[in-house]
Amino acid sequence: MVNGWTECPITDVLKPNGIKIGPFGSQLKKEILLNDGIYKVYGQENIYEHDFSLGDRFLTKAHFDKLSSCEILPGDFVMSTMGTIGKCAIVPDGIQTGIMDSHLIRLRFDEKKINPNYVLQLFSDQFYFLRQQTKQLSVGGIMDGLSVGIVNKFKVQYPESLQEQESIIKVFSGTDTLISNLQKLIRKKKDIRQGTMQMLVTGRKRLEGFSEEWETKSLDSLCRLVTKQTGFDYSAEIKPSLFTINQIGSLPFIQNKDFEGFDINYNTDFYIPYSVATKYPKIMLDEVCLLISISGRIGNVARFDNRFTAFAGGAVGIAKFHDPSLVSWCMLYLMSKDGQEQIFSHEKVGAQHNLTVEDVRNLKIKIPHKNERNSIIAIINDMDSDIKKLEEKLNKYQEVKQGMMEELLTGKVRLI
């Protein structure tokens, strides 16, 4: 350990009784929750978005008093216990009086030893420190949630000088502001993009100069093939992710979790030998086509642009078009609110959510004249390009911060 730094159990830097998990679900049943009120219930969405104004769950004063030991106050350090575990935030000033739910843990640090804002950086998901510990504590398995017992086993490393902690916090604050502002701008532009798409793709708002009636056609009538993977036991053929795009003799195995919109993750979890894939030409992805999730994550839709040949998983419906120029339009239409409602109207709920291939074939698509269609696609593409540039800028800022973390949160670079 660097001179003047220490590593110790997290319990050594907490106030007495400084760790508390939210109330059990049985104490916070849906029937006691109100849609409005004075006493609020905070949850993971507040941590993920660093926004404590979000949420519409409230309690009566009587229920709040019963659960007041789970109250969160300005300055409290809160951590998510489920989903994206380990996400952290510090409760800001001016929040509405309220408690945390069962998916949050509250930590109260001894600020004579450690600044909570320093711990926020140390435990950030952009830094490896907390992630490494949760991985070790999961004993090689998958940790499905945090508990007080697990958090009690965490360690912290920090400079003993509060002045040095404060200097580190100040260095990060400027970068954090840039990152936060970019994230807000990206969310705003995505909201605008979604609203614009909804209006234009459904014909609720027409572009100037266009007035022709739109056609409504079934997806099947636009395609020469709408199918999915059947009759193929791929469990013995797919291999874990040793795959790279340039690997000779193998194809990325695209699953429904690997795509949404124009974005497809070609560095997937699995690959399949090319010699096996060619035996099933109908489900090989070797041309521009439409991918539709038909099991589990229904609603995911993507345009496969044929940059690389690939192979589709069993939960993926594949639509190969007579006119490939219609793929982008059909994708946008099915991503709109109208398209999503239509998809979910066919949903079958069993062990998981499902659509049949016949359901996919019967999806109805509203189609404008080619010139209007291309104009709308161009508008959405321009918005996507703008968002992509901002996301690339965000990634650069985050990479810079990660480099700073490696230097400052390990003591390699000192600020005293």
Protein backbone atom coordinates (compact mmCIF):
# COMPACT_ATOMS: atom_id res chain seq x y z
CA MET A 1 0.00 0.00 0.00
CA VAL A 2 1.20 3.51 -0.87
CA ASN A 3 2.61 5.54 2.00
CA GLY A 4 -0.20 7.51 3.67
CA TRP A 5 -2.90 5.21 2.25
CA THR A 6 -4.76 2.40 3.94
CA GLU A 7 -6.94 -0.55 3.00
CA CYS A 8 -9.46 -1.80 5.54
CA PRO A 9 -12.90 -3.42 5.90
CA ILE A 10 -15.70 -1.04 5.03
CA THR A 11 -17.08 -1.52 8.55
CA ASP A 12 -14.03 0.37 9.90
CA VAL A 13 -15.14 3.58 8.18
CA LEU A 14 -18.88 3.40 8.94
CA LYS A 15 -20.68 5.10 11.77
CA PRO A 16 -22.15 2.80 14.46
CA ASN A 17 -25.09 0.91 12.90
CA GLY A 18 -24.05 2.57 9.66
CA ILE A 19 -25.44 -0.06 7.30
CA LYS A 20 -29.11 -0.75 6.68
CA ILE A 21 -31.07 -2.53 3.95
CA GLY A 22 -34.57 -1.49 2.87
CA PRO A 23 -37.66 -3.16 4.32
CA PHE A 24 -38.65 -6.68 3.29
CA GLY A 25 -41.23 -6.89 0.55
CA SER A 26 -43.81 -8.12 3.04
CA GLN A 27 -43.48 -4.79 4.85
CA LEU A 28 -43.95 -2.79 1.68
CA LYS A 29 -46.81 -4.51 -0.13
CA LYS A 30 -48.41 -2.90 -3.18
CA GLU A 31 -51.68 -2.43 -1.37
CA ILE A 32 -50.16 0.04 1.11
CA LEU A 33 -48.60 2.19 -1.61
CA LEU A 34 -50.21 5.42 -2.77
CA ASN A 35 -49.87 7.21 -6.12
CA ASP A 36 -49.21 10.53 -4.42
CA GLY A 37 -48.43 11.81 -0.97
CA ILE A 38 -45.91 13.37 1.40
CA TYR A 39 -43.79 10.30 2.24
CA LYS A 40 -41.99 8.81 -0.74
CA VAL A 41 -40.53 5.37 -1.47
CA TYR A 42 -37.19 5.51 -3.30
CA GLY A 43 -35.79 2.68 -5.44
CA GLN A 44 -33.18 1.65 -7.98
CA GLU A 45 -34.41 4.05 -10.66
CA ASN A 46 -33.26 6.93 -8.46
CA ILE A 47 -29.79 5.42 -8.20
CA TYR A 48 -29.45 4.54 -11.88
CA GLU A 49 -30.49 8.01 -13.03
CA HIS A 50 -28.99 9.93 -10.07
CA ASP A 51 -32.39 11.64 -9.94
CA PHE A 52 -34.34 11.52 -6.68
CA SER A 53 -37.33 13.34 -8.17
CA LEU A 54 -38.31 10.16 -10.07
CA GLY A 55 -40.91 7.77 -8.70
CA ASP A 56 -44.60 7.64 -7.88
CA ARG A 57 -44.76 5.40 -4.80
CA PHE A 58 -45.85 6.98 -1.53
CA LEU A 59 -46.84 6.02 2.01
CA THR A 60 -49.23 7.30 4.63
CA LYS A 61 -47.63 8.88 7.72
CA ALA A 62 -48.57 5.80 9.76
CA HIS A 63 -46.73 3.43 7.41
CA PHE A 64 -43.79 5.81 7.14
CA ASP A 65 -43.48 5.92 10.93
CA LYS A 66 -43.44 2.10 11.08
CA LEU A 67 -40.61 1.97 8.51
CA SER A 68 -38.74 5.12 9.58
CA SER A 69 -35.57 3.12 10.31
CA CYS A 70 -35.27 2.83 6.51
CA GLU A 71 -35.50 6.59 5.92
CA ILE A 72 -32.85 8.09 3.68
CA LEU A 73 -31.46 11.55 4.36
CA PRO A 74 -29.33 14.02 2.40
CA GLY A 75 -25.73 12.83 2.43
CA ASP A 76 -26.58 9.14 2.81
CA PHE A 77 -24.71 6.75 0.54
CA VAL A 78 -27.13 4.33 -1.16
CA MET A 79 -26.36 1.25 -3.23
CA SER A 80 -28.52 -0.99 -5.45
CA THR A 81 -28.81 -4.61 -4.34
CA MET A 82 -30.53 -6.18 -7.38
CA GLY A 83 -30.36 -5.87 -11.16
CA THR A 84 -27.26 -3.82 -11.83
CA ILE A 85 -25.89 -4.45 -8.38
CA GLY A 86 -23.48 -2.01 -6.79
CA LYS A 87 -24.76 1.13 -8.52
CA CYS A 88 -24.25 3.95 -6.03
CA ALA A 89 -25.44 7.48 -5.36
CA ILE A 90 -25.33 10.07 -2.61
CA VAL A 91 -28.71 11.39 -1.55
CA PRO A 92 -28.88 15.10 -2.49
CA ASP A 93 -30.20 17.99 -0.43
CA GLY A 94 -33.86 18.90 -0.71
CA ILE A 95 -35.32 15.45 -1.33
CA GLN A 96 -38.87 14.63 -0.30
CA THR A 97 -39.10 12.80 3.01
CA GLY A 98 -39.11 9.08 2.37
CA ILE A 99 -37.69 5.59 2.78
CA MET A 100 -35.72 3.24 0.54
CA ASP A 101 -37.25 0.02 -0.74
CA SER A 102 -35.85 -3.50 -0.37
CA HIS A 103 -33.54 -3.12 -3.38
CA LEU A 104 -31.38 -0.47 -1.74
CA ILE A 105 -28.77 -0.49 1.03
CA ARG A 106 -27.95 2.67 2.99
CA LEU A 107 -24.42 3.37 4.24
CA ARG A 108 -23.50 6.15 6.65
CA PHE A 109 -19.77 6.84 6.66
CA ASP A 110 -17.64 8.33 9.40
CA GLU A 111 -16.67 11.52 7.59
CA LYS A 112 -13.72 12.06 9.96
CA LYS A 113 -12.15 9.07 8.20
CA ILE A 114 -13.53 8.99 4.67
CA ASN A 115 -15.51 11.30 2.40
CA PRO A 116 -18.61 9.59 0.93
CA ASN A 117 -17.91 11.32 -2.40
CA TYR A 118 -14.54 9.59 -2.49
CA VAL A 119 -16.26 6.22 -1.94
CA LEU A 120 -18.65 7.09 -4.78
CA GLN A 121 -15.65 7.24 -7.13
CA LEU A 122 -13.97 4.17 -5.63
CA PHE A 123 -17.17 2.09 -6.03
CA SER A 124 -18.04 3.49 -9.47
CA ASP A 125 -18.86 0.88 -12.11
CA GLN A 126 -16.25 2.63 -14.27
CA PHE A 127 -13.58 1.41 -11.84
CA TYR A 128 -12.71 -2.20 -11.11
CA PHE A 129 -12.48 -2.02 -7.30
CA LEU A 130 -16.06 -2.94 -6.33
CA ARG A 131 -16.66 -5.15 -9.36
CA GLN A 132 -13.60 -7.20 -8.48
CA GLN A 133 -14.80 -7.73 -4.91
CA THR A 134 -18.33 -8.74 -5.87
CA LYS A 135 -16.88 -11.24 -8.34
CA GLN A 136 -14.67 -12.77 -5.63
CA LEU A 137 -17.53 -12.91 -3.13
CA SER A 138 -19.75 -14.71 -5.66
CA VAL A 139 -17.29 -17.63 -5.45
CA GLY A 140 -17.18 -18.15 -9.19
CA GLY A 141 -20.95 -18.06 -9.63
CA ILE A 142 -23.35 -15.25 -10.47
CA MET A 143 -24.22 -12.93 -7.63
CA ASP A 144 -27.96 -12.29 -7.87
CA GLY A 145 -28.05 -9.59 -5.21
CA LEU A 146 -26.25 -7.82 -2.40
CA SER A 147 -27.03 -8.28 1.28
CA VAL A 148 -25.83 -6.58 4.44
CA GLY A 149 -23.63 -9.63 5.07
CA ILE A 150 -21.92 -9.27 1.68
CA VAL A 151 -21.47 -5.51 1.93
CA ASN A 152 -19.93 -5.98 5.39
CA LYS A 153 -17.15 -7.97 3.67
CA PHE A 154 -16.25 -5.15 1.27
CA LYS A 155 -12.96 -3.36 1.64
CA VAL A 156 -12.03 0.24 0.90
CA GLN A 157 -8.66 1.76 -0.01
CA TYR A 158 -8.12 5.45 0.52
CA PRO A 159 -5.65 8.19 1.44
CA GLU A 160 -5.76 8.84 5.17
CA SER A 161 -5.57 12.57 4.51
CA LEU A 162 -9.05 14.04 4.06
CA GLN A 163 -7.38 16.86 2.14
CA GLU A 164 -6.02 14.40 -0.40
CA GLN A 165 -9.44 12.74 -0.67
CA GLU A 166 -10.97 16.15 -1.34
CA SER A 167 -8.35 16.91 -4.01
CA ILE A 168 -9.17 13.63 -5.80
CA ILE A 169 -12.89 14.41 -5.63
CA LYS A 170 -12.34 17.87 -7.17
CA VAL A 171 -10.35 16.41 -10.07
CA PHE A 172 -13.18 14.01 -10.88
CA SER A 173 -15.96 16.57 -10.42
CA GLY A 174 -15.17 18.43 -13.65
CA THR A 175 -15.11 15.25 -15.73
CA ASP A 176 -18.26 13.99 -14.00
CA THR A 177 -20.06 17.22 -14.90
CA LEU A 178 -19.09 16.84 -18.57
CA ILE A 179 -20.20 13.19 -18.56
CA SER A 180 -23.47 13.96 -16.78
CA ASN A 181 -24.33 16.83 -19.13
CA LEU A 182 -23.61 14.65 -22.17
CA GLN A 183 -25.75 11.82 -20.78
CA LYS A 184 -28.65 14.25 -20.23
CA LEU A 185 -28.25 15.65 -23.75
CA ILE A 186 -28.21 12.14 -25.24
CA ARG A 187 -31.37 11.18 -23.31
CA LYS A 188 -33.07 14.37 -24.48
CA LYS A 189 -32.13 13.75 -28.12
CA LYS A 190 -33.27 10.13 -27.88
CA ASP A 191 -36.64 11.29 -26.52
CA ILE A 192 -36.96 13.78 -29.38
CA ARG A 193 -35.94 11.10 -31.86
CA GLN A 194 -38.53 8.68 -30.48
CA GLY A 195 -41.27 11.32 -30.63
CA THR A 196 -40.32 12.33 -34.17
CA MET A 197 -40.21 8.71 -35.32
CA GLN A 198 -43.60 8.02 -33.77
CA MET A 199 -45.22 10.94 -35.60
CA LEU A 200 -43.57 10.45 -39.00
CA VAL A 201 -43.45 6.66 -39.27
CA THR A 202 -47.12 6.26 -38.41
CA GLY A 203 -48.27 9.09 -40.72
CA ARG A 204 -49.66 11.23 -37.91
CA LYS A 205 -47.45 14.03 -39.20
CA ARG A 206 -46.80 14.31 -42.93
CA LEU A 207 -43.74 15.89 -44.48
CA GLU A 208 -44.36 18.95 -46.62
CA GLY A 209 -45.02 18.10 -50.25
CA PHE A 210 -46.40 14.61 -49.62
CA SER A 211 -50.12 13.77 -49.59
CA GLU A 212 -50.49 10.35 -51.23
CA GLU A 213 -52.35 7.66 -49.31
CA TRP A 214 -50.27 5.04 -47.53
CA GLU A 215 -50.66 1.33 -48.20
CA THR A 216 -51.07 -1.26 -45.46
CA LYS A 217 -49.51 -4.64 -46.16
CA SER A 218 -48.78 -7.77 -44.21
CA LEU A 219 -45.11 -8.40 -43.55
CA ASP A 220 -45.41 -11.77 -45.28
CA SER A 221 -46.55 -10.13 -48.55
CA LEU A 222 -43.33 -8.08 -48.60
CA CYS A 223 -41.02 -11.04 -48.06
CA ARG A 224 -39.98 -14.16 -49.87
CA LEU A 225 -39.20 -15.77 -46.52
CA VAL A 226 -40.30 -15.30 -42.91
CA THR A 227 -38.93 -18.07 -40.73
CA LYS A 228 -37.02 -19.04 -37.60
CA GLN A 229 -34.55 -21.69 -36.61
CA THR A 230 -36.26 -25.09 -36.34
CA GLY A 231 -35.16 -28.72 -36.38
CA PHE A 232 -31.58 -27.91 -35.49
CA ASP A 233 -29.92 -28.90 -32.26
CA TYR A 234 -27.21 -26.25 -32.10
CA SER A 235 -26.23 -26.95 -28.48
CA ALA A 236 -23.40 -29.23 -29.59
CA GLU A 237 -22.25 -26.90 -32.37
CA ILE A 238 -22.02 -23.42 -30.85
CA LYS A 239 -18.87 -22.54 -28.97
CA PRO A 240 -18.20 -19.97 -26.26
CA SER A 241 -16.96 -16.51 -27.14
CA LEU A 242 -13.52 -17.21 -28.51
CA PHE A 243 -14.98 -15.63 -31.62
CA THR A 244 -13.58 -12.66 -33.47
CA ILE A 245 -15.08 -11.27 -36.67
CA ASN A 246 -12.00 -12.24 -38.67
CA GLN A 247 -11.82 -15.76 -37.33
CA ILE A 248 -11.72 -18.12 -40.29
CA GLY A 249 -14.33 -20.85 -40.42
CA SER A 250 -16.85 -19.49 -37.91
CA LEU A 251 -19.83 -17.11 -37.80
CA PRO A 252 -21.24 -14.97 -34.98
CA PHE A 253 -24.32 -16.60 -33.47
CA ILE A 254 -26.81 -13.72 -33.16
CA GLN A 255 -29.32 -14.03 -30.32
CA ASN A 256 -32.21 -11.70 -29.56
CA LYS A 257 -30.23 -10.01 -26.77
CA ASP A 258 -27.62 -8.99 -29.35
CA PHE A 259 -29.72 -6.57 -31.36
CA GLU A 260 -31.97 -3.54 -31.27
CA GLY A 261 -32.56 -1.00 -34.03
CA PHE A 262 -29.52 -0.49 -36.24
CA ASP A 263 -27.19 -1.84 -33.55
CA ILE A 264 -26.15 -5.49 -33.69
CA ASN A 265 -23.45 -6.93 -31.47
CA TYR A 266 -21.31 -9.10 -33.72
CA ASN A 267 -18.95 -9.94 -30.85
CA THR A 268 -21.58 -12.19 -29.35
CA ASP A 269 -21.30 -14.83 -26.65
CA PHE A 270 -21.12 -17.69 -29.16
CA TYR A 271 -20.07 -18.60 -32.68
CA ILE A 272 -20.91 -21.47 -34.98
CA PRO A 273 -18.68 -23.28 -37.53
CA TYR A 274 -19.29 -22.06 -41.07
CA SER A 275 -19.48 -25.64 -42.30
CA VAL A 276 -22.48 -26.24 -40.02
CA ALA A 277 -24.20 -22.92 -40.79
CA THR A 278 -24.21 -23.52 -44.55
CA LYS A 279 -26.39 -26.60 -44.04
CA TYR A 280 -29.21 -24.23 -43.00
CA PRO A 281 -29.24 -21.50 -45.70
CA LYS A 282 -32.70 -20.18 -44.77
CA ILE A 283 -31.49 -19.06 -41.35
CA MET A 284 -28.06 -17.88 -42.42
CA LEU A 285 -27.81 -14.10 -42.28
CA ASP A 286 -26.10 -13.41 -45.59
CA GLU A 287 -28.18 -10.53 -46.97
CA VAL A 288 -29.91 -7.39 -45.72
CA CYS A 289 -32.90 -8.60 -43.72
CA LEU A 290 -35.11 -7.89 -40.70
CA LEU A 291 -34.57 -9.59 -37.35
CA ILE A 292 -37.47 -9.84 -34.88
CA SER A 293 -37.25 -11.29 -31.39
CA ILE A 294 -39.99 -13.91 -31.01
CA SER A 295 -39.20 -15.34 -27.58
CA GLY A 296 -38.33 -13.79 -24.23
CA ARG A 297 -37.35 -10.28 -25.32
CA ILE A 298 -40.20 -9.80 -27.76
CA GLY A 299 -40.32 -6.32 -29.25
CA ASN A 300 -36.63 -6.21 -30.20
CA VAL A 301 -36.34 -5.48 -33.92
CA ALA A 302 -33.21 -4.83 -36.00
CA ARG A 303 -31.94 -4.31 -39.52
CA PHE A 304 -29.21 -6.82 -40.36
CA ASP A 305 -27.04 -4.91 -42.83
CA ASN A 306 -24.86 -7.83 -44.03
CA ARG A 307 -21.53 -6.28 -43.03
CA PHE A 308 -20.66 -9.79 -41.89
CA THR A 309 -22.30 -13.12 -42.53
CA ALA A 310 -23.87 -14.48 -39.36
CA PHE A 311 -26.26 -17.12 -38.04
CA ALA A 312 -29.53 -16.62 -36.14
CA GLY A 313 -30.46 -18.11 -32.79
CA GLY A 314 -33.69 -19.98 -32.14
CA ALA A 315 -35.50 -16.99 -30.58
CA VAL A 316 -34.97 -14.84 -33.68
CA GLY A 317 -37.44 -14.47 -36.52
CA ILE A 318 -35.88 -13.67 -39.91
CA ALA A 319 -37.64 -11.76 -42.68
CA LYS A 320 -35.93 -11.71 -46.10
CA PHE A 321 -37.52 -9.13 -48.41
CA HIS A 322 -38.28 -9.03 -52.12
CA ASP A 323 -37.20 -5.36 -51.98
CA PRO A 324 -34.35 -4.95 -49.43
CA SER A 325 -34.89 -1.17 -49.42
CA LEU A 326 -38.03 -1.80 -47.33
CA VAL A 327 -36.09 -3.36 -44.43
CA SER A 328 -35.18 -0.03 -42.77
CA TRP A 329 -38.75 1.24 -43.08
CA CYS A 330 -40.31 -1.90 -41.62
CA MET A 331 -37.81 -1.85 -38.76
CA LEU A 332 -38.69 1.76 -37.89
CA TYR A 333 -42.41 1.06 -38.14
CA LEU A 334 -42.21 -1.96 -35.85
CA MET A 335 -40.08 0.04 -33.37
CA SER A 336 -42.74 2.75 -33.17
CA LYS A 337 -45.42 2.69 -30.51
CA ASP A 338 -47.97 1.48 -33.05
CA GLY A 339 -45.68 -1.32 -34.20
CA GLN A 340 -44.80 -2.39 -30.66
CA GLU A 341 -48.46 -2.47 -29.64
CA GLN A 342 -49.20 -4.68 -32.63
CA ILE A 343 -46.35 -7.05 -31.74
CA PHE A 344 -47.43 -7.34 -28.11
CA SER A 345 -51.06 -7.88 -29.11
CA HIS A 346 -49.93 -11.29 -30.44
CA GLU A 347 -47.95 -12.14 -27.31
CA LYS A 348 -48.34 -15.63 -25.84
CA VAL A 349 -47.37 -15.88 -22.19
CA GLY A 350 -46.13 -19.20 -20.87
CA ALA A 351 -42.81 -20.01 -19.31
CA GLN A 352 -41.66 -16.94 -21.28
CA HIS A 353 -43.14 -14.41 -23.71
CA ASN A 354 -43.47 -15.72 -27.27
CA LEU A 355 -44.64 -14.94 -30.78
CA THR A 356 -45.21 -17.52 -33.50
CA VAL A 357 -43.78 -17.17 -36.98
CA GLU A 358 -47.36 -16.91 -38.20
CA ASP A 359 -47.87 -13.91 -35.89
CA VAL A 360 -44.81 -12.27 -37.44
CA ARG A 361 -46.03 -12.95 -40.96
CA ASN A 362 -49.36 -11.31 -40.17
CA LEU A 363 -47.87 -8.07 -38.80
CA LYS A 364 -49.34 -5.12 -40.72
CA ILE A 365 -47.00 -2.42 -42.02
CA LYS A 366 -48.13 1.04 -43.17
CA ILE A 367 -46.00 2.04 -46.16
CA PRO A 368 -45.78 5.47 -47.84
CA HIS A 369 -44.57 6.19 -51.37
CA LYS A 370 -40.84 5.54 -51.84
CA ASN A 371 -39.83 9.24 -51.90
CA GLU A 372 -41.68 10.04 -48.68
CA ARG A 373 -40.38 6.84 -47.10
CA ASN A 374 -36.79 7.70 -47.97
CA SER A 375 -37.19 11.27 -46.70
CA ILE A 376 -38.46 10.02 -43.33
CA ILE A 377 -35.68 7.44 -43.05
CA ALA A 378 -33.12 10.17 -43.84
CA ILE A 379 -34.48 12.37 -41.03
CA ILE A 380 -34.28 9.53 -38.52
CA ASN A 381 -30.81 8.55 -39.78
CA ASP A 382 -29.57 12.12 -39.29
CA MET A 383 -30.88 12.09 -35.72
CA ASP A 384 -29.24 8.71 -35.11
CA SER A 385 -25.96 10.02 -36.50
CA ASP A 386 -26.09 13.02 -34.18
CA ILE A 387 -26.76 10.76 -31.18
CA LYS A 388 -23.97 8.39 -32.22
CA LYS A 389 -21.45 11.25 -32.34
CA LEU A 390 -22.47 12.34 -28.85
CA GLU A 391 -22.18 8.75 -27.60
CA GLU A 392 -18.68 8.51 -29.10
CA LYS A 393 -17.76 11.74 -27.34
CA LEU A 394 -19.21 10.35 -24.10
CA ASN A 395 -17.16 7.17 -24.48
CA LYS A 396 -13.99 9.25 -24.87
CA TYR A 397 -14.74 11.20 -21.69
CA GLN A 398 -15.43 7.96 -19.86
CA GLU A 399 -12.17 6.45 -21.12
CA VAL A 400 -10.29 9.52 -19.90
CA LYS A 401 -11.94 9.19 -16.51
CA GLN A 402 -11.09 5.49 -16.30
CA GLY A 403 -7.46 6.36 -16.89
CA MET A 404 -7.61 9.01 -14.17
CA MET A 405 -9.19 6.51 -11.79
CA GLU A 406 -6.39 4.02 -12.34
CA GLU A 407 -3.88 6.71 -11.39
CA LEU A 408 -5.67 8.55 -8.58
CA LEU A 409 -7.67 5.83 -6.80
CA THR A 410 -4.64 3.59 -6.40
CA GLY A 411 -2.20 6.27 -5.21
CA LYS A 412 0.01 5.94 -8.31
CA VAL A 413 -0.38 9.69 -8.76
CA ARG A 414 -0.53 11.81 -5.60
CA LEU A 415 -2.23 15.21 -5.32
CA ILE A 416 -0.34 16.44 -2.25
